[in-house]
């Protein structure tokens, strides 16, 4: 089965180095377009927590109830 990768909308039309996502049931696969053989898989919940953490301003601490339970797995060559 062929994986259908979706480029991040922040990458622009002609960008060569961008983040790509693809469904990988029950997870979501992520990869950098410059190194497509290296992928990261995450549950949708873990990916949402990662995105929230990236958007959290530096120095702002999260409350303990916000601590995500994440499953991230690195694969590649």
C-alpha atoms as a PDB file:
ATOM      1  CA  UNK A   1       0.000   0.000   0.000  1.00  0.00           C
ATOM      2  CA  UNK A   2       1.380   3.380  -1.033  1.00  0.00           C
ATOM      3  CA  UNK A   3       1.715   6.062   1.650  1.00  0.00           C
ATOM      4  CA  UNK A   4       0.151   9.388   0.708  1.00  0.00           C
ATOM      5  CA  UNK A   5       2.214  12.157   2.305  1.00  0.00           C
ATOM      6  CA  UNK A   6       0.748  15.625   2.863  1.00  0.00           C
ATOM      7  CA  UNK A   7       3.094  18.608   2.941  1.00  0.00           C
ATOM      8  CA  UNK A   8       2.699  21.177   5.702  1.00  0.00           C
ATOM      9  CA  UNK A   9       0.860  24.301   4.573  1.00  0.00           C
ATOM     10  CA  UNK A  10       3.669  26.360   6.152  1.00  0.00           C
ATOM     11  CA  UNK A  11       6.183  24.886   3.702  1.00  0.00           C
ATOM     12  CA  UNK A  12       5.098  26.939   0.710  1.00  0.00           C
ATOM     13  CA  UNK A  13       4.660  25.742  -2.848  1.00  0.00           C
ATOM     14  CA  UNK A  14       8.297  25.252  -3.888  1.00  0.00           C
ATOM     15  CA  UNK A  15       9.861  24.474  -0.509  1.00  0.00           C
ATOM     16  CA  UNK A  16      12.199  21.485  -0.533  1.00  0.00           C
ATOM     17  CA  UNK A  17      12.725  21.119   3.209  1.00  0.00           C
ATOM     18  CA  UNK A  18       9.356  20.676   4.821  1.00  0.00           C
ATOM     19  CA  UNK A  19       7.399  18.546   7.242  1.00  0.00           C
ATOM     20  CA  UNK A  20       5.127  15.903   5.750  1.00  0.00           C
ATOM     21  CA  UNK A  21       2.366  13.880   7.443  1.00  0.00           C
ATOM     22  CA  UNK A  22       0.632  10.636   6.464  1.00  0.00           C
ATOM     23  CA  UNK A  23      -1.902   8.315   8.069  1.00  0.00           C
ATOM     24  CA  UNK A  24      -0.291   5.168   9.491  1.00  0.00           C
ATOM     25  CA  UNK A  25      -3.171   3.543  11.390  1.00  0.00           C
ATOM     26  CA  UNK A  26      -3.567   3.780  14.294  1.00  0.00           C
ATOM     27  CA  UNK A  27      -0.795   6.395  14.256  1.00  0.00           C
ATOM     28  CA  UNK A  28       0.259   9.398  12.194  1.00  0.00           C
ATOM     29  CA  UNK A  29       3.629   9.328  10.424  1.00  0.00           C
ATOM     30  CA  UNK A  30       5.830  12.421  10.124  1.00  0.00           C
ATOM     31  CA  UNK A  31       8.964  12.960   8.081  1.00  0.00           C
ATOM     32  CA  UNK A  32      11.303  15.686   6.892  1.00  0.00           C
ATOM     33  CA  UNK A  33      11.274  15.906   3.108  1.00  0.00           C
ATOM     34  CA  UNK A  34      15.090  16.091   2.955  1.00  0.00           C
ATOM     35  CA  UNK A  35      15.381  12.738   4.790  1.00  0.00           C
ATOM     36  CA  UNK A  36      12.281  10.798   3.732  1.00  0.00           C
ATOM     37  CA  UNK A  37      13.592   7.436   4.973  1.00  0.00           C
ATOM     38  CA  UNK A  38      13.535   8.684   8.576  1.00  0.00           C
ATOM     39  CA  UNK A  39      10.010   8.778   9.952  1.00  0.00           C
ATOM     40  CA  UNK A  40       8.462   9.459  13.312  1.00  0.00           C
ATOM     41  CA  UNK A  41       5.136   7.889  14.247  1.00  0.00           C
ATOM     42  CA  UNK A  42       2.858   9.239  16.921  1.00  0.00           C
ATOM     43  CA  UNK A  43      -0.641   8.669  18.172  1.00  0.00           C
ATOM     44  CA  UNK A  44      -3.007  11.513  17.288  1.00  0.00           C
ATOM     45  CA  UNK A  45      -3.109  12.429  21.005  1.00  0.00           C
ATOM     46  CA  UNK A  46       0.703  12.532  21.248  1.00  0.00           C
ATOM     47  CA  UNK A  47       0.992  14.603  18.066  1.00  0.00           C
ATOM     48  CA  UNK A  48      -1.554  17.090  19.417  1.00  0.00           C
ATOM     49  CA  UNK A  49       0.444  17.322  22.668  1.00  0.00           C
ATOM     50  CA  UNK A  50       3.662  17.907  20.698  1.00  0.00           C
ATOM     51  CA  UNK A  51       2.042  20.700  18.684  1.00  0.00           C
ATOM     52  CA  UNK A  52       0.660  22.301  21.862  1.00  0.00           C
ATOM     53  CA  UNK A  53       4.110  22.090  23.477  1.00  0.00           C
ATOM     54  CA  UNK A  54       5.725  23.724  20.449  1.00  0.00           C
ATOM     55  CA  UNK A  55       3.197  26.556  20.623  1.00  0.00           C
ATOM     56  CA  UNK A  56       3.729  27.093  24.377  1.00  0.00           C
ATOM     57  CA  UNK A  57       5.809  30.243  24.918  1.00  0.00           C
ATOM     58  CA  UNK A  58       9.273  29.627  26.374  1.00  0.00           C
ATOM     59  CA  UNK A  59       9.331  29.895  30.136  1.00  0.00           C
ATOM     60  CA  UNK A  60       5.635  29.174  30.579  1.00  0.00           C
ATOM     61  CA  UNK A  61       5.219  26.033  32.609  1.00  0.00           C
ATOM     62  CA  UNK A  62       2.371  23.659  31.965  1.00  0.00           C
ATOM     63  CA  UNK A  63       0.129  22.497  34.758  1.00  0.00           C
ATOM     64  CA  UNK A  64       0.540  18.822  35.829  1.00  0.00           C
ATOM     65  CA  UNK A  65      -2.929  18.024  34.466  1.00  0.00           C
ATOM     66  CA  UNK A  66      -1.709  19.043  31.005  1.00  0.00           C
ATOM     67  CA  UNK A  67       1.166  16.559  30.981  1.00  0.00           C
ATOM     68  CA  UNK A  68       0.574  14.323  27.935  1.00  0.00           C
ATOM     69  CA  UNK A  69       1.052  10.610  27.774  1.00  0.00           C
ATOM     70  CA  UNK A  70       2.875  10.308  24.482  1.00  0.00           C
ATOM     71  CA  UNK A  71       3.951   7.434  22.295  1.00  0.00           C
ATOM     72  CA  UNK A  72       6.551   8.494  19.752  1.00  0.00           C
ATOM     73  CA  UNK A  73       8.573   6.029  17.705  1.00  0.00           C
ATOM     74  CA  UNK A  74      11.547   6.814  15.422  1.00  0.00           C
ATOM     75  CA  UNK A  75      12.128   4.623  12.387  1.00  0.00           C
ATOM     76  CA  UNK A  76      14.556   4.993   9.544  1.00  0.00           C
ATOM     77  CA  UNK A  77      17.824   4.195   8.001  1.00  0.00           C
END
